[in-house]
Amino acid sequence: MTQNLTIARPDDWHLHLRDGAMLEAVLPETARHFGRAIIMPNLVPPVVTGAQAAAYKDRIMAALPEDMQFEPLMTLYLTEDSDPEDIAAAHASGLIKSVKLYPAGATTNSASGVSDFKNVRAALDKMAEIGLPLCVHGEVTDHDIDIFDREAVFIDRVLDPIRKATPGLRVVMEHITTKDGVAYVRDNARDLGATITTHHLIINRNHILVGGIKPHYYCLPVAKREEHRLALREAATSGDARFFLGTDSAPHLDGDKESACGCAGCFTATNTMALLAHVFEEDGKLENLEAFASRNGPGFYGLPVNDGTITLTKNEQATVFPDKIESANGPVTVFDPGYDVFWTVAD
């Protein structure tokens, strides 16, 4: 029997659209279901100034199909040379909704990120003053720290000291992957939220490595042990307003994923909402999907919930998702959960 669930149109609070041919290929996959998205600024070169963010937004809107409605929420890439006044002006104009902190070398196109956090103190102070959120990629990059421990170490060494030194700074811990991240959010009630990706609710590190390396499951932060995945599932499905959807959907050409040094990222824009319905139903929390995908994020960012709705439908036959999205430069593989999903977004 068909089952329907109608929710407010969701938003994606962490999205990679890239640029050029890739932007044109993947943007419709997000705009089909999502009203808005926080757009990651880690292009080459990165989006550092208000002028660069405005130009990037223009390119996004130019690539948007005429029959789709979508609002890109722009961010600036924080560097040790970022100008606090430029950040403030871009925020005051309504252009940017957050600033992104990448520890240098932490992930794709993060070479321009921060090495010495003392050098961004003025920018962080200005952001606290004007109420502009800081989105953090929460991993240290020290070579002596195991890749599976880098999130927990970041919380202790970097994030907690930043928050204590900058009272009032609003922080989004992006794509948390550990029970440590969940616990830190819950222990710090004020000015702190966290995004959780679709794929980290579905895969653990075994999915990447057991039975052969699965390059399309490789992402950063890397998926962790099963106990961490279960902690993320509990947080996401709980209805707690501090946790909200940020897919971190990150398209790469297949040739760049399936190589001797494959790129990190899972492309989930196409099927995220159907996969989330499966996860929330499986955990007996389908009634909380709207909070996670459509309400908690706007609440943290001080924005209205989208006016429109989407309807998710569960059918008797498994949904067939496309294996790949074609771009002018080659195919991009769509995330495969590894099991049948019976939910889809109704047309």
Foldseek 3Di string as FASTA:
>chain_A
DKDKDKFFQFEAAAEEQAADQSNLQCVVLQQVGHAEYAYAQLYVVGAAFLVSLVVVQVRNVVSDDPVTHHYYAYEHEDALPRDLVRVVVSVVVVRHQAYEADAQPQAPNRPRHYDDVVSCLVNQQSCLVVVRAYEYQQFDDDPVDDLQCGNLVSVVPPVVVSCVVHPNHAYEDEQDAFLSVVVVCVVDPPRYAYEHALLSLQDAVCVQPPPHGDLLQFAPSHHHDPVRSVSVLCVLLVLPLRYAHHHQQDWDAPVQSPDPDHHHHHHASNCRVLSVCVSNVVVVRNVSNNSRGFNSVCVSSVHDTHPHMWMKMFDPDFDDTDQWTATPVHTTGHDDSPDTTRIDTDD
